[in-house]
Amino acid sequence: MRRSTQELLSQIPREDLERRIIQMGHVEIDRDAPVRPADTSSREISLRVRKLNADFTCPICLGIMRETMTVMECLHRFCKDCIELSIRMGRKQCPSCRTKVPSRRNLRRDVAFDSLILQVYPDIDKATEEQELETKRVIQGHNHKAYADSVRHGTKVQDVRRKTRVALGSQPEGEHERMVQVESKREELIWFSMYPDTEAKGGALPHLQRRFLRCPGSAQIRNLKTYLGIKFQNNGPYCIAVKSNGQRRVLQPVRTLDELERSYGVHGKPLELFYSLEQAS
């Protein structure tokens, strides 16, 4: 008759059982569950090497483990060079579970695991090279798919715009002008960034929490000064300048972002503006 877990646990000395609980942690045990017998048959189980890759991969370098070292506190395995460098340069903890690892004395060489890896991968360098080639093929496949999806999306957008232009020709003049104005407003949004002006004599201000902004091209410098007043609790008045060819130019309140983009903008980069407290006269 198969004995239950309760009967087996009752035969273990209490001191050994408490010591094992401390080592394993307080894990709930179903004491009435039947004990599974050990499989002593000589049958063989075939597994694909890819299913074992996760067990043979170092979590730090993501390569096949070399000179495997085991952390004694948590039994996680790593390459020798990887875990020693991590403990020496990092926070002295296991990279997988954050268990404290005070020094290299808490590491043990796992020769048996190295021999198991050599049985699966007789030539580790060749296996690593094959894995890198496979990863490269997968990345290239994803890139080709992303490129094809991008071309397909671009074609759809062009078709929609072409149909919109054709439809505009058959609409009344007033409706056509309204849609053109809406489209132009969408295209007038301008990206720009604002930084404290270190060259200003009026007084330094802290960095904005949101440095990069996007506003319509019709927005004026006075609107940006109002924005600064809200962010810095009206600690004004403020001065906004632009720097071009090494020269600092103070901007008038009526200047618009569209004008500044045409005069001082650099292709491919957001317009850079510098703010400070206005110098007292």
Protein backbone atom coordinates (compact mmCIF):
# COMPACT_ATOMS: atom_id res chain seq x y z
CA MET A 1 0.00 0.00 0.00
CA ARG A 2 1.35 3.43 -0.97
CA ARG A 3 2.17 5.57 2.05
CA SER A 4 1.07 9.21 2.28
CA THR A 5 3.31 12.25 2.69
CA GLN A 6 2.16 12.57 6.33
CA GLU A 7 3.48 9.10 7.17
CA LEU A 8 6.84 9.78 5.51
CA LEU A 9 7.23 13.15 7.26
CA SER A 10 6.48 11.57 10.64
CA GLN A 11 9.54 9.33 10.22
CA ILE A 12 11.92 12.29 9.71
CA PRO A 13 13.53 13.65 12.91
CA ARG A 14 12.00 16.97 13.90
CA GLU A 15 15.36 18.77 13.94
CA ASP A 16 16.16 17.69 10.38
CA LEU A 17 12.69 18.66 9.22
CA GLU A 18 12.93 22.16 10.77
CA ARG A 19 16.38 22.67 9.28
CA ARG A 20 15.05 21.66 5.84
CA ILE A 21 12.11 24.06 6.19
CA ILE A 22 14.53 26.90 6.98
CA GLN A 23 16.59 26.03 3.88
CA MET A 24 13.56 25.78 1.57
CA GLY A 25 11.46 28.51 3.13
CA HIS A 26 7.92 28.07 4.41
CA VAL A 27 6.51 26.09 1.49
CA GLU A 28 3.01 24.68 1.87
CA ILE A 29 3.03 20.86 1.74
CA ASP A 30 -0.02 18.77 1.04
CA ARG A 31 0.49 16.17 3.76
CA ASP A 32 -2.28 13.90 2.46
CA ALA A 33 -0.98 13.76 -1.11
CA PRO A 34 0.44 10.42 -2.26
CA VAL A 35 4.18 10.21 -2.79
CA ARG A 36 5.20 9.83 -6.44
CA PRO A 37 7.47 6.84 -6.90
CA ALA A 38 10.85 7.32 -8.54
CA ASP A 39 11.04 6.36 -12.22
CA THR A 40 13.61 3.55 -12.29
CA SER A 41 12.87 2.39 -15.81
CA SER A 42 15.53 2.50 -18.50
CA ARG A 43 13.40 4.33 -21.05
CA GLU A 44 14.94 7.23 -22.95
CA ILE A 45 13.34 10.61 -23.53
CA SER A 46 14.30 12.62 -26.61
CA LEU A 47 14.34 16.40 -26.35
CA ARG A 48 15.22 19.06 -28.89
CA VAL A 49 18.39 20.98 -28.12
CA ARG A 50 16.46 24.26 -28.39
CA LYS A 51 14.38 23.25 -25.36
CA LEU A 52 17.59 22.98 -23.33
CA ASN A 53 19.06 26.27 -24.49
CA ALA A 54 17.30 28.23 -21.75
CA ASP A 55 18.91 26.00 -19.08
CA PHE A 56 22.38 26.31 -20.62
CA THR A 57 22.21 30.07 -21.26
CA CYS A 58 23.92 32.52 -18.92
CA PRO A 59 21.38 35.19 -17.84
CA ILE A 60 24.09 37.88 -17.95
CA CYS A 61 25.83 37.42 -21.32
CA LEU A 62 22.99 35.36 -22.91
CA GLY A 63 25.54 32.88 -24.26
CA ILE A 64 26.26 29.25 -23.46
CA MET A 65 27.76 29.01 -19.98
CA ARG A 66 31.53 28.64 -19.71
CA GLU A 67 33.13 27.49 -16.45
CA THR A 68 29.76 27.39 -14.71
CA MET A 69 29.54 28.90 -11.23
CA THR A 70 26.58 28.33 -8.88
CA VAL A 71 25.38 30.84 -6.27
CA MET A 72 25.10 28.80 -3.08
CA GLU A 73 22.23 30.82 -1.58
CA CYS A 74 19.82 30.46 -4.51
CA LEU A 75 21.49 27.84 -6.81
CA HIS A 76 21.33 30.06 -9.91
CA ARG A 77 24.08 29.39 -12.45
CA PHE A 78 26.22 31.85 -14.43
CA CYS A 79 29.46 32.00 -16.37
CA LYS A 80 32.45 32.40 -14.08
CA ASP A 81 33.64 35.67 -15.62
CA CYS A 82 30.11 37.10 -15.77
CA ILE A 83 29.11 36.49 -12.15
CA GLU A 84 32.49 37.50 -10.72
CA LEU A 85 32.40 40.76 -12.68
CA SER A 86 28.79 41.34 -11.59
CA ILE A 87 29.63 40.87 -7.92
CA ARG A 88 32.78 42.99 -8.16
CA MET A 89 31.20 45.87 -10.09
CA GLY A 90 27.52 45.56 -9.11
CA ARG A 91 25.48 45.49 -5.92
CA LYS A 92 26.75 42.13 -4.62
CA GLN A 93 23.55 40.26 -5.35
CA CYS A 94 22.32 37.51 -7.66
CA PRO A 95 21.33 39.04 -11.02
CA SER A 96 18.39 36.61 -11.32
CA CYS A 97 16.67 36.83 -7.92
CA ARG A 98 18.49 39.69 -6.08
CA THR A 99 19.61 37.39 -3.27
CA LYS A 100 22.56 38.89 -1.37
CA VAL A 101 25.94 37.48 -2.47
CA PRO A 102 28.58 39.11 -0.22
CA SER A 103 31.66 37.82 -2.06
CA ARG A 104 33.04 35.22 -4.43
CA ARG A 105 33.24 32.79 -1.52
CA ASN A 106 29.50 32.27 -1.97
CA LEU A 107 30.12 30.82 -5.44
CA ARG A 108 30.90 27.18 -6.22
CA ARG A 109 32.25 25.69 -9.42
CA ASP A 110 29.72 23.32 -11.08
CA VAL A 111 31.90 20.79 -12.91
CA ALA A 112 29.03 18.34 -13.40
CA PHE A 113 26.98 20.95 -15.22
CA ASP A 114 29.96 21.81 -17.44
CA SER A 115 30.31 18.14 -18.39
CA LEU A 116 26.59 18.03 -19.21
CA ILE A 117 26.97 21.07 -21.48
CA LEU A 118 29.93 19.44 -23.24
CA GLN A 119 27.84 16.35 -23.92
CA VAL A 120 25.17 18.48 -25.60
CA TYR A 121 27.56 20.98 -27.21
CA PRO A 122 30.95 19.31 -27.87
CA ASP A 123 32.15 22.49 -29.59
CA ILE A 124 30.82 25.49 -27.64
CA ASP A 125 32.40 28.06 -29.98
CA LYS A 126 30.71 26.51 -33.01
CA ALA A 127 27.36 26.30 -31.18
CA THR A 128 27.65 29.95 -30.15
CA GLU A 129 28.39 30.98 -33.73
CA GLU A 130 25.37 29.02 -34.99
CA GLN A 131 23.14 30.71 -32.40
CA GLU A 132 24.40 34.14 -33.47
CA LEU A 133 23.70 33.34 -37.13
CA GLU A 134 20.20 32.12 -36.24
CA THR A 135 19.54 35.29 -34.24
CA LYS A 136 20.78 37.41 -37.16
CA ARG A 137 18.45 35.58 -39.58
CA VAL A 138 15.50 36.13 -37.26
CA ILE A 139 16.29 39.84 -36.91
CA GLN A 140 16.68 40.24 -40.67
CA GLY A 141 13.36 38.44 -41.19
CA HIS A 142 11.64 40.81 -38.76
CA ASN A 143 13.27 43.81 -40.46
CA HIS A 144 12.08 42.68 -43.90
CA LYS A 145 8.58 42.17 -42.53
CA ALA A 146 8.60 45.59 -40.87
CA TYR A 147 9.84 47.18 -44.12
CA ALA A 148 7.09 45.45 -46.11
CA ASP A 149 4.46 46.55 -43.58
CA SER A 150 5.79 50.11 -43.76
CA VAL A 151 5.60 50.14 -47.57
CA ARG A 152 2.08 48.72 -47.43
CA HIS A 153 1.01 51.35 -44.89
CA GLY A 154 2.59 54.14 -46.94
CA THR A 155 0.75 52.97 -50.05
CA LYS A 156 -2.57 53.03 -48.19
CA VAL A 157 -1.88 56.56 -46.90
CA GLN A 158 -1.05 57.75 -50.42
CA ASP A 159 -4.26 56.21 -51.75
CA VAL A 160 -6.30 57.95 -49.06
CA ARG A 161 -4.67 61.32 -49.79
CA ARG A 162 -5.17 60.84 -53.53
CA LYS A 163 -8.87 60.11 -52.99
CA THR A 164 -9.11 63.16 -50.71
CA ARG A 165 -7.61 65.43 -53.38
CA VAL A 166 -10.01 64.06 -55.98
CA ALA A 167 -12.96 64.57 -53.62
CA LEU A 168 -11.92 68.16 -52.89
CA GLY A 169 -12.23 69.06 -56.56
CA SER A 170 -15.95 68.19 -56.58
CA GLN A 171 -16.84 70.08 -53.35
CA PRO A 172 -18.18 73.65 -53.07
CA GLU A 173 -15.62 76.41 -52.79
CA GLY A 174 -16.40 77.26 -49.15
CA GLU A 175 -16.13 73.64 -48.02
CA HIS A 176 -12.89 73.25 -49.96
CA GLU A 177 -11.34 76.30 -48.25
CA ARG A 178 -12.41 75.07 -44.81
CA MET A 179 -10.79 71.64 -45.35
CA VAL A 180 -7.61 73.27 -46.68
CA GLN A 181 -7.43 75.43 -43.55
CA VAL A 182 -7.88 72.40 -41.29
CA GLU A 183 -5.15 70.53 -43.16
CA SER A 184 -2.79 73.51 -42.96
CA LYS A 185 -3.34 73.82 -39.22
CA ARG A 186 -2.36 70.20 -38.79
CA GLU A 187 0.87 70.80 -40.67
CA GLU A 188 1.78 73.99 -38.72
CA LEU A 189 2.74 72.15 -35.51
CA ILE A 190 6.40 72.89 -34.76
CA TRP A 191 8.71 70.99 -32.44
CA PHE A 192 11.01 73.10 -30.26
CA SER A 193 13.01 72.77 -27.05
CA MET A 194 13.55 75.28 -24.24
CA TYR A 195 16.69 75.52 -22.07
CA PRO A 196 17.81 77.91 -19.29
CA ASP A 197 19.93 80.72 -20.73
CA THR A 198 23.31 80.56 -18.95
CA GLU A 199 24.59 83.66 -20.76
CA ALA A 200 21.77 85.94 -19.64
CA LYS A 201 22.44 88.59 -16.99
CA GLY A 202 18.88 88.77 -15.71
CA GLY A 203 19.04 85.60 -13.60
CA ALA A 204 19.20 81.85 -14.04
CA LEU A 205 16.11 79.64 -13.98
CA PRO A 206 15.81 75.88 -13.43
CA HIS A 207 15.21 73.32 -16.20
CA LEU A 208 11.67 72.66 -17.33
CA GLN A 209 10.35 69.21 -16.49
CA ARG A 210 9.11 68.90 -20.08
CA ARG A 211 11.91 70.21 -22.27
CA PHE A 212 10.55 69.34 -25.74
CA LEU A 213 7.28 70.99 -26.77
CA ARG A 214 5.07 71.14 -29.84
CA CYS A 215 2.90 74.16 -30.66
CA PRO A 216 1.17 75.63 -33.71
CA GLY A 217 3.37 77.79 -35.90
CA SER A 218 1.15 80.81 -35.14
CA ALA A 219 2.08 80.71 -31.42
CA GLN A 220 3.96 83.83 -30.36
CA ILE A 221 6.81 84.43 -27.93
CA ARG A 222 4.35 86.09 -25.55
CA ASN A 223 2.49 82.77 -25.33
CA LEU A 224 5.70 81.01 -24.34
CA LYS A 225 6.34 83.66 -21.66
CA THR A 226 2.86 82.98 -20.29
CA TYR A 227 3.72 79.28 -20.24
CA LEU A 228 6.91 80.03 -18.28
CA GLY A 229 4.89 82.12 -15.83
CA ILE A 230 2.60 79.15 -15.15
CA LYS A 231 5.52 76.76 -14.71
CA PHE A 232 7.59 79.07 -12.48
CA GLN A 233 4.62 80.59 -10.59
CA ASN A 234 4.78 84.05 -12.22
CA ASN A 235 8.36 84.69 -11.17
CA GLY A 236 8.82 87.04 -14.13
CA PRO A 237 9.17 89.01 -16.32
CA TYR A 238 10.89 86.58 -18.69
CA CYS A 239 13.20 86.90 -21.66
CA ILE A 240 13.38 84.39 -24.50
CA ALA A 241 16.31 84.33 -26.90
CA VAL A 242 17.69 82.29 -29.76
CA LYS A 243 21.33 81.58 -30.52
CA SER A 244 22.64 81.61 -34.07
CA ASN A 245 26.26 81.61 -35.29
CA GLY A 246 27.48 82.12 -31.72
CA GLN A 247 25.31 85.22 -31.21
CA ARG A 248 22.44 85.56 -28.73
CA ARG A 249 19.36 87.34 -30.10
CA VAL A 250 16.51 88.42 -27.80
CA LEU A 251 13.13 87.74 -29.41
CA GLN A 252 10.26 90.21 -29.53
CA PRO A 253 6.91 89.10 -28.01
CA VAL A 254 5.13 89.19 -31.40
CA ARG A 255 7.52 86.82 -33.18
CA THR A 256 5.87 83.52 -34.14
CA LEU A 257 7.32 80.02 -34.08
CA ASP A 258 6.78 79.75 -37.83
CA GLU A 259 9.00 82.81 -38.42
CA LEU A 260 11.67 81.50 -36.06
CA GLU A 261 11.64 78.08 -37.71
CA ARG A 262 12.23 79.66 -41.12
CA SER A 263 14.95 82.01 -39.82
CA TYR A 264 16.86 79.90 -37.28
CA GLY A 265 15.62 76.32 -37.71
CA VAL A 266 18.00 73.49 -38.58
CA HIS A 267 16.72 70.65 -40.74
CA GLY A 268 16.15 67.47 -38.74
CA LYS A 269 16.50 69.17 -35.32
CA PRO A 270 13.92 70.93 -33.12
CA LEU A 271 14.16 74.70 -32.76
CA GLU A 272 16.18 75.64 -29.65
CA LEU A 273 15.00 78.54 -27.47
CA PHE A 274 16.65 79.87 -24.29
CA TYR A 275 14.78 81.50 -21.41
CA SER A 276 15.87 83.66 -18.48
CA LEU A 277 14.64 86.41 -16.20
CA GLU A 278 14.46 89.77 -17.94
CA GLN A 279 17.31 92.05 -16.92
CA ALA A 280 16.15 94.91 -14.73
CA SER A 281 16.64 98.30 -16.37
